[in-house]
Amino acid sequence: MANQDERDEPFTSPEMARVTALLDELKEADPTPPGLVPDVMTQIRSIQRRGSMPRQGDERMAKKVLIGLAAAAAILIAVFAAKGWPPVDLGTQGTVGAAKRYQAQQMSASDVKLGDASVQQFLQSDIADRLMKDPQARSLLSDAGFQALMADNQLRESLRNGELRELLTNARLREAFADAGVREVVANSELRALLADAQLRLALENARVREAIANVKVAEALIQAKSGEAALRVAANDSALRLATTDAGVRAVVESGVLARALESQALMQVITNGVLARALDTGAMKAVLDNKMLAHSIDSGVIAKMMDTAAIRQAMDQGLLAQAAQNALIAQAMEMHGFAKAVEAGLITQALAASEQK
């Protein structure tokens, strides 16, 4: 009969020492679920109890099996400790394959929903909870136009910094930008620079002035006039312009040569002759658009053009939804949180809205 040292050999051999070292590395890991280690060791020891009189060859094989099982158990525990333990209620039926499937599912959900700490912070914040409970905020968050606005970094920052707030909250400005003619005029930096002159803009708002200079011969004669007197003589030879110059403001623009210099612009002549300028100037908000420095920056940076080129955003503007978003205090607070934009981009806000509706 084998003595005590021989019986203990499987657990004192060099191979088992390596297993013991592996297990020692797990001391800093999260604690194992209750009962897992005892269950594993019970399975190992049950092999040792099988057969009271093993032959010498069988004894060596048993030793190898014990060491192998102990090593496998240590590796399995190490994997679980590093990546997460399967639910306790899996019990002894939780095979390695099932554990791997569970872990894969958990990692997938974690990667999508909580992969970014800022997103997790936002989703778990009081602001997110209040957004889900606020009817107006829910309506805005589910709107395709608002989602498109939030998904674009440049548009989102412009709204957060206030560049678009006046446009979105001013009904007259929204109406003006809904007109393609207005957008065409204000999108042209050369035209905006010309129309920045209040006297010139006032003169061009006069239908008689536009009618007169739409005549190429009149426009060329004004351009060639070298003095105010010459320009006034040109005006006197055209019935429409002659009537227009009875207005002191129009007469001053003609006499000063400002109108003549403006007509040298091909861009201006084009929008005059095709009627685009008339439509743009007849919009009451045109002056506000041209005089607003913040809007000018948004136009130059391409923000306005990008908004107008997105059908969902245009529709949201027409319906006043983006104006509501710009004035909603909860959304303003949410936009200050870095994770909010990422949550919108990843579709997590939509998912959260859908989930809350099912409750």
Foldseek 3Di string as FASTA:
>chain_A
DDDPCLLCCLCVDPLNVVLVVLLVVCPPFDDDDPPPVVVLVVVLVVLVPPDPDDDPVVSVVNSVVSSVSSSVSSVVVVVCRVQHPPDPVCPPVCDPVNRVVVSVVVVVVCCLQPVDVLLVPLCPDPLVVVLLVDVLSLVLLPFPLNLVQLLDPVSLVCLLVPLCLCCLQPPLNLVLLLDPLLLVQLLDPLNLVLVLPVLLLVLVLDPLSLVQCLPVVLLVQLLPDPALVSLVVSLVVDPSSVVSVVDVSNSVCSRVSSSNVSSVDPVVSVCSNVVSSNVSSVRPCNVVCSPDPSNSVCSVVCNSVVQVVDPSNSVCSVVSSVNVCSVDPSNSVLSVRPSSSVCSNSCVSVVVSVVVVVD
